[in-house]
Amino acid sequence: MEQQPSLGARVHHRRAILGLTLRDLARRANIGSPSFVLYIENGSRIPSPAVARRLAIALSDDPSLYEAWARLLGRTSPRAALAAAQRILEEQSAAPLDVISLVDAPPRTACLRVPVIAAGADPGTGLRPECPVFETLRIPWSLLPANTSLPYAAPLEGDWASRVPELAGRGLALLVRDHAWPEPRSIHAVRMEGGVRLARVLWNGRALLVLPAPGADDFEVLHAQGDSPAPLLAGRPIRILER
């Protein structure tokens, strides 16, 4: 399972670039113990915003970004978490989804059969969707990324896509249920509001932070039962299908 980028990973990366030991960084950042720096790097301790700022300055990095990570990972109000999340998103850029035209698909090629379900329906966790399937598409393997697992498709319409309005009305979303941990700003199908919604999300180690559409303020915090967001996620879109 691929781990998401984190504050600890960034601290470790910057320290390695600068050739600093744990003791060097602790001294520069006025942190009493080198072991505390190690705990921050491996994610077992969360620095305060003030400590995070000193780390950033010691590493010649962006203090406001480090402070935002510390606020997001620490115990904070939803409003403060949203402000921190928005600052982190300024640092991240979401790659646009590739578009597949099924009309132009190469003929006589090996295909994957992909079930189509209703917008906002929950596909479940089985090999086949556990909700009604309205049709089955035949998509050439040559048009799909490697290791496509447990795929399904749903139309980009209605409330299902309201948090990602740039995708709304663009055809069908092709999703996979590979349970990859969400990277900052990544779009996922999230189990919430009694159904499934597409949204950009952040995972802070304890809760899934569901971001609103641009200009909206319906920020949601979904608390996980364990140390993984997988039960809250119903898949992630990897392609847009046009036909």
C-alpha atoms as a PDB file:
ATOM      1  CA  MET A   1       0.000   0.000   0.000  1.00  0.00           C
ATOM      2  CA  GLU A   2       1.472   3.358  -1.011  1.00  0.00           C
ATOM      3  CA  GLN A   3       1.883   5.818   1.853  1.00  0.00           C
ATOM      4  CA  GLN A   4       0.774   9.357   1.307  1.00  0.00           C
ATOM      5  CA  PRO A   5       3.280  12.236   1.337  1.00  0.00           C
ATOM      6  CA  SER A   6       3.548  13.704   4.863  1.00  0.00           C
ATOM      7  CA  LEU A   7       5.192  16.399   6.936  1.00  0.00           C
ATOM      8  CA  GLY A   8       7.581  13.787   8.371  1.00  0.00           C
ATOM      9  CA  ALA A   9       8.608  12.664   4.892  1.00  0.00           C
ATOM     10  CA  ARG A  10       9.260  16.250   3.858  1.00  0.00           C
ATOM     11  CA  VAL A  11      11.367  16.938   6.962  1.00  0.00           C
ATOM     12  CA  HIS A  12      13.413  13.794   6.332  1.00  0.00           C
ATOM     13  CA  HIS A  13      13.862  14.664   2.646  1.00  0.00           C
ATOM     14  CA  ARG A  14      14.989  18.225   3.336  1.00  0.00           C
ATOM     15  CA  ARG A  15      17.358  17.084   6.109  1.00  0.00           C
ATOM     16  CA  ALA A  16      18.945  14.559   3.738  1.00  0.00           C
ATOM     17  CA  ILE A  17      19.368  17.194   1.002  1.00  0.00           C
ATOM     18  CA  LEU A  18      21.105  19.539   3.444  1.00  0.00           C
ATOM     19  CA  GLY A  19      23.270  16.754   4.870  1.00  0.00           C
ATOM     20  CA  LEU A  20      22.082  17.306   8.441  1.00  0.00           C
ATOM     21  CA  THR A  21      22.052  14.714  11.198  1.00  0.00           C
ATOM     22  CA  LEU A  22      19.145  14.465  13.605  1.00  0.00           C
ATOM     23  CA  ARG A  23      21.278  16.227  16.207  1.00  0.00           C
ATOM     24  CA  ASP A  24      22.171  19.019  13.737  1.00  0.00           C
ATOM     25  CA  LEU A  25      18.516  19.667  12.930  1.00  0.00           C
ATOM     26  CA  ALA A  26      17.451  19.532  16.578  1.00  0.00           C
ATOM     27  CA  ARG A  27      20.101  22.133  17.408  1.00  0.00           C
ATOM     28  CA  ARG A  28      19.155  24.399  14.498  1.00  0.00           C
ATOM     29  CA  ALA A  29      15.446  24.221  15.323  1.00  0.00           C
ATOM     30  CA  ASN A  30      15.960  24.578  19.080  1.00  0.00           C
ATOM     31  CA  ILE A  31      14.404  21.160  19.758  1.00  0.00           C
ATOM     32  CA  GLY A  32      15.641  19.561  22.942  1.00  0.00           C
ATOM     33  CA  SER A  33      16.076  15.989  21.721  1.00  0.00           C
ATOM     34  CA  PRO A  34      17.207  14.544  18.371  1.00  0.00           C
ATOM     35  CA  SER A  35      14.880  11.607  19.033  1.00  0.00           C
ATOM     36  CA  PHE A  36      11.906  14.004  18.857  1.00  0.00           C
ATOM     37  CA  VAL A  37      12.968  14.932  15.328  1.00  0.00           C
ATOM     38  CA  LEU A  38      13.098  11.226  14.478  1.00  0.00           C
ATOM     39  CA  TYR A  39       9.580  10.738  15.883  1.00  0.00           C
ATOM     40  CA  ILE A  40       8.328  13.597  13.708  1.00  0.00           C
ATOM     41  CA  GLU A  41       9.966  12.078  10.634  1.00  0.00           C
ATOM     42  CA  ASN A  42       8.449   8.630  11.183  1.00  0.00           C
ATOM     43  CA  GLY A  43       5.014  10.087  11.953  1.00  0.00           C
ATOM     44  CA  SER A  44       4.732   8.911  15.552  1.00  0.00           C
ATOM     45  CA  ARG A  45       4.759  12.475  16.956  1.00  0.00           C
ATOM     46  CA  ILE A  46       3.023  15.616  15.733  1.00  0.00           C
ATOM     47  CA  PRO A  47       4.882  18.908  16.273  1.00  0.00           C
ATOM     48  CA  SER A  48       3.114  22.016  17.450  1.00  0.00           C
ATOM     49  CA  PRO A  49       2.740  24.754  14.811  1.00  0.00           C
ATOM     50  CA  ALA A  50       5.526  26.693  16.553  1.00  0.00           C
ATOM     51  CA  VAL A  51       7.930  23.744  16.423  1.00  0.00           C
ATOM     52  CA  ALA A  52       6.914  23.033  12.827  1.00  0.00           C
ATOM     53  CA  ARG A  53       7.742  26.629  11.918  1.00  0.00           C
ATOM     54  CA  ARG A  54      11.203  26.368  13.515  1.00  0.00           C
ATOM     55  CA  LEU A  55      11.822  23.137  11.603  1.00  0.00           C
ATOM     56  CA  ALA A  56      10.908  24.825   8.325  1.00  0.00           C
ATOM     57  CA  ILE A  57      13.250  27.741   8.980  1.00  0.00           C
ATOM     58  CA  ALA A  58      16.054  25.354   9.969  1.00  0.00           C
ATOM     59  CA  LEU A  59      15.495  23.425   6.744  1.00  0.00           C
ATOM     60  CA  SER A  60      15.181  26.561   4.553  1.00  0.00           C
ATOM     61  CA  ASP A  61      11.639  25.538   3.669  1.00  0.00           C
ATOM     62  CA  ASP A  62       8.192  27.167   3.759  1.00  0.00           C
ATOM     63  CA  PRO A  63       7.115  27.919   7.382  1.00  0.00           C
ATOM     64  CA  SER A  64       3.438  28.464   6.531  1.00  0.00           C
ATOM     65  CA  LEU A  65       3.245  25.052   4.866  1.00  0.00           C
ATOM     66  CA  TYR A  66       4.809  23.286   7.860  1.00  0.00           C
ATOM     67  CA  GLU A  67       2.458  25.117  10.237  1.00  0.00           C
ATOM     68  CA  ALA A  68      -0.523  24.060   8.100  1.00  0.00           C
ATOM     69  CA  TRP A  69       0.560  20.402   8.227  1.00  0.00           C
ATOM     70  CA  ALA A  70       0.915  20.612  12.022  1.00  0.00           C
ATOM     71  CA  ARG A  71      -2.562  22.124  12.424  1.00  0.00           C
ATOM     72  CA  LEU A  72      -4.103  19.586  10.080  1.00  0.00           C
ATOM     73  CA  LEU A  73      -2.500  16.609  11.820  1.00  0.00           C
ATOM     74  CA  GLY A  74      -3.137  17.903  15.339  1.00  0.00           C
ATOM     75  CA  ARG A  75      -6.377  18.201  17.248  1.00  0.00           C
ATOM     76  CA  THR A  76      -8.106  21.214  15.782  1.00  0.00           C
ATOM     77  CA  SER A  77     -11.512  22.569  14.857  1.00  0.00           C
ATOM     78  CA  PRO A  78     -13.044  21.755  11.448  1.00  0.00           C
ATOM     79  CA  ARG A  79     -12.671  25.416  10.434  1.00  0.00           C
ATOM     80  CA  ALA A  80      -8.980  25.470  11.342  1.00  0.00           C
ATOM     81  CA  ALA A  81      -8.493  22.107   9.626  1.00  0.00           C
ATOM     82  CA  LEU A  82     -10.109  23.457   6.462  1.00  0.00           C
ATOM     83  CA  ALA A  83      -7.860  26.530   6.461  1.00  0.00           C
ATOM     84  CA  ALA A  84      -4.825  24.278   6.913  1.00  0.00           C
ATOM     85  CA  ALA A  85      -6.033  21.922   4.186  1.00  0.00           C
ATOM     86  CA  GLN A  86      -6.486  24.793   1.757  1.00  0.00           C
ATOM     87  CA  ARG A  87      -2.930  25.981   2.442  1.00  0.00           C
ATOM     88  CA  ILE A  88      -1.582  22.486   1.755  1.00  0.00           C
ATOM     89  CA  LEU A  89      -3.614  22.247  -1.443  1.00  0.00           C
ATOM     90  CA  GLU A  90      -1.899  25.394  -2.695  1.00  0.00           C
ATOM     91  CA  GLU A  91       1.286  23.300  -2.674  1.00  0.00           C
ATOM     92  CA  GLN A  92      -0.297  20.372  -4.491  1.00  0.00           C
ATOM     93  CA  SER A  93      -1.587  20.214  -8.062  1.00  0.00           C
ATOM     94  CA  ALA A  94      -4.174  17.668  -9.087  1.00  0.00           C
ATOM     95  CA  ALA A  95      -3.397  15.866 -12.315  1.00  0.00           C
ATOM     96  CA  PRO A  96      -6.400  15.961 -14.655  1.00  0.00           C
ATOM     97  CA  LEU A  97      -8.095  12.682 -15.445  1.00  0.00           C
ATOM     98  CA  ASP A  98      -7.393  11.245 -18.882  1.00  0.00           C
ATOM     99  CA  VAL A  99     -10.343  10.926 -21.247  1.00  0.00           C
ATOM    100  CA  ILE A 100     -11.055   7.685 -23.120  1.00  0.00           C
ATOM    101  CA  SER A 101     -13.251   7.840 -26.209  1.00  0.00           C
ATOM    102  CA  LEU A 102     -14.972   4.486 -26.534  1.00  0.00           C
ATOM    103  CA  VAL A 103     -16.052   5.390 -30.060  1.00  0.00           C
ATOM    104  CA  ASP A 104     -12.420   5.523 -31.184  1.00  0.00           C
ATOM    105  CA  ALA A 105     -11.388   2.351 -29.344  1.00  0.00           C
ATOM    106  CA  PRO A 106      -9.302  -0.013 -31.489  1.00  0.00           C
ATOM    107  CA  PRO A 107     -11.406  -2.901 -32.868  1.00  0.00           C
ATOM    108  CA  ARG A 108     -10.764  -6.594 -32.265  1.00  0.00           C
ATOM    109  CA  THR A 109      -8.709  -6.154 -29.145  1.00  0.00           C
ATOM    110  CA  ALA A 110      -8.832  -7.739 -25.698  1.00  0.00           C
ATOM    111  CA  CYS A 111     -11.375  -5.980 -23.505  1.00  0.00           C
ATOM    112  CA  LEU A 112     -12.251  -5.620 -19.850  1.00  0.00           C
ATOM    113  CA  ARG A 113     -15.930  -5.843 -18.946  1.00  0.00           C
ATOM    114  CA  VAL A 114     -16.805  -2.901 -16.694  1.00  0.00           C
ATOM    115  CA  PRO A 115     -20.184  -2.675 -14.914  1.00  0.00           C
ATOM    116  CA  VAL A 116     -22.035   0.648 -14.883  1.00  0.00           C
ATOM    117  CA  ILE A 117     -23.946   1.579 -11.722  1.00  0.00           C
ATOM    118  CA  ALA A 118     -26.066   4.584 -10.774  1.00  0.00           C
ATOM    119  CA  ALA A 119     -24.444   7.866  -9.772  1.00  0.00           C
ATOM    120  CA  GLY A 120     -23.986   7.881  -6.009  1.00  0.00           C
ATOM    121  CA  ALA A 121     -24.559   4.136  -5.579  1.00  0.00           C
ATOM    122  CA  ASP A 122     -22.208   2.149  -3.328  1.00  0.00           C
ATOM    123  CA  PRO A 123     -20.444  -0.641  -5.249  1.00  0.00           C
ATOM    124  CA  GLY A 124     -19.540  -2.521  -2.062  1.00  0.00           C
ATOM    125  CA  THR A 125     -16.333  -4.478  -1.678  1.00  0.00           C
ATOM    126  CA  GLY A 126     -16.955  -7.633  -3.720  1.00  0.00           C
ATOM    127  CA  LEU A 127     -15.597  -8.615  -7.112  1.00  0.00           C
ATOM    128  CA  ARG A 128     -18.845  -7.385  -8.661  1.00  0.00           C
ATOM    129  CA  PRO A 129     -20.829  -4.334  -7.505  1.00  0.00           C
ATOM    130  CA  GLU A 130     -23.292  -5.151  -4.755  1.00  0.00           C
ATOM    131  CA  CYS A 131     -25.819  -2.677  -6.190  1.00  0.00           C
ATOM    132  CA  PRO A 132     -27.847  -2.852  -9.435  1.00  0.00           C
ATOM    133  CA  VAL A 133     -25.801  -2.904 -12.651  1.00  0.00           C
ATOM    134  CA  PHE A 134     -27.482  -1.099 -15.553  1.00  0.00           C
ATOM    135  CA  GLU A 135     -25.126  -2.110 -18.346  1.00  0.00           C
ATOM    136  CA  THR A 136     -21.673  -3.514 -18.992  1.00  0.00           C
ATOM    137  CA  LEU A 137     -19.033  -1.727 -21.048  1.00  0.00           C
ATOM    138  CA  ARG A 138     -16.264  -3.433 -22.993  1.00  0.00           C
ATOM    139  CA  ILE A 139     -13.113  -1.328 -22.605  1.00  0.00           C
ATOM    140  CA  PRO A 140      -9.903  -2.341 -24.422  1.00  0.00           C
ATOM    141  CA  TRP A 141      -7.095  -3.246 -22.044  1.00  0.00           C
ATOM    142  CA  SER A 142      -4.804  -1.071 -24.163  1.00  0.00           C
ATOM    143  CA  LEU A 143      -6.689   2.021 -22.948  1.00  0.00           C
ATOM    144  CA  LEU A 144      -6.391   1.167 -19.259  1.00  0.00           C
ATOM    145  CA  PRO A 145      -3.571   1.728 -16.760  1.00  0.00           C
ATOM    146  CA  ALA A 146      -1.665  -1.262 -15.479  1.00  0.00           C
ATOM    147  CA  ASN A 147      -3.048  -3.132 -12.472  1.00  0.00           C
ATOM    148  CA  THR A 148      -6.605  -1.889 -12.928  1.00  0.00           C
ATOM    149  CA  SER A 149      -8.475  -3.611 -10.097  1.00  0.00           C
ATOM    150  CA  LEU A 150     -12.176  -4.026  -9.260  1.00  0.00           C
ATOM    151  CA  PRO A 151     -13.310  -1.409 -11.809  1.00  0.00           C
ATOM    152  CA  TYR A 152     -16.755   0.081 -12.210  1.00  0.00           C
ATOM    153  CA  ALA A 153     -18.224   3.152 -13.897  1.00  0.00           C
ATOM    154  CA  ALA A 154     -20.909   5.671 -13.020  1.00  0.00           C
ATOM    155  CA  PRO A 155     -22.291   8.781 -14.766  1.00  0.00           C
ATOM    156  CA  LEU A 156     -20.878  12.130 -13.664  1.00  0.00           C
ATOM    157  CA  GLU A 157     -24.192  13.727 -12.806  1.00  0.00           C
ATOM    158  CA  GLY A 158     -26.304  14.969  -9.899  1.00  0.00           C
ATOM    159  CA  ASP A 159     -25.137  15.369  -6.308  1.00  0.00           C
ATOM    160  CA  TRP A 160     -22.578  12.579  -6.782  1.00  0.00           C
ATOM    161  CA  ALA A 161     -20.212  14.969  -8.585  1.00  0.00           C
ATOM    162  CA  SER A 162     -21.251  18.250  -6.951  1.00  0.00           C
ATOM    163  CA  ARG A 163     -17.994  18.565  -4.962  1.00  0.00           C
ATOM    164  CA  VAL A 164     -15.919  18.263  -8.156  1.00  0.00           C
ATOM    165  CA  PRO A 165     -17.923  20.475 -10.540  1.00  0.00           C
ATOM    166  CA  GLU A 166     -15.138  20.422 -13.154  1.00  0.00           C
ATOM    167  CA  LEU A 167     -16.021  16.747 -13.778  1.00  0.00           C
ATOM    168  CA  ALA A 168     -19.815  17.084 -13.733  1.00  0.00           C
ATOM    169  CA  GLY A 169     -21.563  16.220 -16.983  1.00  0.00           C
ATOM    170  CA  ARG A 170     -18.435  14.870 -18.706  1.00  0.00           C
ATOM    171  CA  GLY A 171     -19.705  11.341 -19.331  1.00  0.00           C
ATOM    172  CA  LEU A 172     -18.816   8.356 -17.170  1.00  0.00           C
ATOM    173  CA  ALA A 173     -16.186   8.097 -14.474  1.00  0.00           C
ATOM    174  CA  LEU A 174     -14.151   4.878 -14.511  1.00  0.00           C
ATOM    175  CA  LEU A 175     -13.180   4.009 -10.938  1.00  0.00           C
ATOM    176  CA  VAL A 176     -11.049   1.337  -9.294  1.00  0.00           C
ATOM    177  CA  ARG A 177     -11.388  -0.022  -5.761  1.00  0.00           C
ATOM    178  CA  ASP A 178      -7.737  -0.657  -4.995  1.00  0.00           C
ATOM    179  CA  HIS A 179      -7.861   0.920  -1.506  1.00  0.00           C
ATOM    180  CA  ALA A 180      -4.821   3.113  -2.156  1.00  0.00           C
ATOM    181  CA  TRP A 181      -4.318   5.667   0.585  1.00  0.00           C
ATOM    182  CA  PRO A 182      -5.448   9.083  -0.625  1.00  0.00           C
ATOM    183  CA  GLU A 183      -2.726  11.497  -1.591  1.00  0.00           C
ATOM    184  CA  PRO A 184      -3.330  15.195  -0.888  1.00  0.00           C
ATOM    185  CA  ARG A 185      -5.893  16.665  -3.297  1.00  0.00           C
ATOM    186  CA  SER A 186      -6.726  13.287  -4.841  1.00  0.00           C
ATOM    187  CA  ILE A 187     -10.343  12.633  -5.850  1.00  0.00           C
ATOM    188  CA  HIS A 188     -12.100   9.637  -4.323  1.00  0.00           C
ATOM    189  CA  ALA A 189     -15.591   8.200  -4.075  1.00  0.00           C
ATOM    190  CA  VAL A 190     -16.392   8.735  -0.389  1.00  0.00           C
ATOM    191  CA  ARG A 191     -19.036   6.944   1.656  1.00  0.00           C
ATOM    192  CA  MET A 192     -20.961   9.813   3.239  1.00  0.00           C
ATOM    193  CA  GLU A 193     -24.422  11.383   3.478  1.00  0.00           C
ATOM    194  CA  GLY A 194     -26.068   7.973   3.160  1.00  0.00           C
ATOM    195  CA  GLY A 195     -24.467   7.232  -0.198  1.00  0.00           C
ATOM    196  CA  VAL A 196     -21.286   7.909  -2.152  1.00  0.00           C
ATOM    197  CA  ARG A 197     -19.934  11.293  -3.208  1.00  0.00           C
ATOM    198  CA  LEU A 198     -16.943  12.258  -5.333  1.00  0.00           C
ATOM    199  CA  ALA A 199     -14.672  14.673  -3.521  1.00  0.00           C
ATOM    200  CA  ARG A 200     -11.098  15.738  -2.993  1.00  0.00           C
ATOM    201  CA  VAL A 201      -9.845  14.383   0.295  1.00  0.00           C
ATOM    202  CA  LEU A 202      -7.006  14.498   2.789  1.00  0.00           C
ATOM    203  CA  TRP A 203      -6.127  11.789   5.317  1.00  0.00           C
ATOM    204  CA  ASN A 204      -4.532  13.011   8.567  1.00  0.00           C
ATOM    205  CA  GLY A 205      -3.924   9.608  10.149  1.00  0.00           C
ATOM    206  CA  ARG A 206      -7.167   9.555  12.133  1.00  0.00           C
ATOM    207  CA  ALA A 207      -9.873  11.089   9.972  1.00  0.00           C
ATOM    208  CA  LEU A 208     -10.724  11.656   6.334  1.00  0.00           C
ATOM    209  CA  LEU A 209     -11.113  15.339   5.520  1.00  0.00           C
ATOM    210  CA  VAL A 210     -13.626  15.821   2.689  1.00  0.00           C
ATOM    211  CA  LEU A 211     -13.096  19.116   0.892  1.00  0.00           C
ATOM    212  CA  PRO A 212     -15.945  21.206  -0.511  1.00  0.00           C
ATOM    213  CA  ALA A 213     -16.362  22.428  -4.039  1.00  0.00           C
ATOM    214  CA  PRO A 214     -14.518  25.689  -4.824  1.00  0.00           C
ATOM    215  CA  GLY A 215     -16.312  28.560  -3.098  1.00  0.00           C
ATOM    216  CA  ALA A 216     -18.404  26.274  -0.867  1.00  0.00           C
ATOM    217  CA  ASP A 217     -17.971  25.650   2.861  1.00  0.00           C
ATOM    218  CA  ASP A 218     -19.494  22.169   3.387  1.00  0.00           C
ATOM    219  CA  PHE A 219     -16.245  20.729   4.780  1.00  0.00           C
ATOM    220  CA  GLU A 220     -16.683  17.282   6.365  1.00  0.00           C
ATOM    221  CA  VAL A 221     -14.562  15.317   8.838  1.00  0.00           C
ATOM    222  CA  LEU A 222     -15.173  11.546   8.678  1.00  0.00           C
ATOM    223  CA  HIS A 223     -13.587   9.682  11.585  1.00  0.00           C
ATOM    224  CA  ALA A 224     -12.130   6.271  10.789  1.00  0.00           C
ATOM    225  CA  GLN A 225     -12.690   3.230  12.981  1.00  0.00           C
ATOM    226  CA  GLY A 226      -9.017   2.227  12.747  1.00  0.00           C
ATOM    227  CA  ASP A 227      -5.791   3.480  11.231  1.00  0.00           C
ATOM    228  CA  SER A 228      -6.900   3.173   7.605  1.00  0.00           C
ATOM    229  CA  PRO A 229      -9.335   5.250   5.519  1.00  0.00           C
ATOM    230  CA  ALA A 230     -10.228   2.259   3.307  1.00  0.00           C
ATOM    231  CA  PRO A 231     -13.728   1.595   4.782  1.00  0.00           C
ATOM    232  CA  LEU A 232     -14.684   5.206   4.004  1.00  0.00           C
ATOM    233  CA  LEU A 233     -13.644   4.961   0.352  1.00  0.00           C
ATOM    234  CA  ALA A 234     -15.596   3.346  -2.480  1.00  0.00           C
ATOM    235  CA  GLY A 235     -12.947   3.832  -5.155  1.00  0.00           C
ATOM    236  CA  ARG A 236     -10.998   6.473  -7.022  1.00  0.00           C
ATOM    237  CA  PRO A 237     -11.583   7.729 -10.577  1.00  0.00           C
ATOM    238  CA  ILE A 238      -8.777   6.983 -13.020  1.00  0.00           C
ATOM    239  CA  ARG A 239     -10.346   7.877 -16.374  1.00  0.00           C
ATOM    240  CA  ILE A 240     -13.296   9.702 -17.911  1.00  0.00           C
ATOM    241  CA  LEU A 241     -15.206   7.658 -20.480  1.00  0.00           C
ATOM    242  CA  GLU A 242     -16.848   9.325 -23.449  1.00  0.00           C
ATOM    243  CA  ARG A 243     -19.075   7.550 -25.913  1.00  0.00           C
END
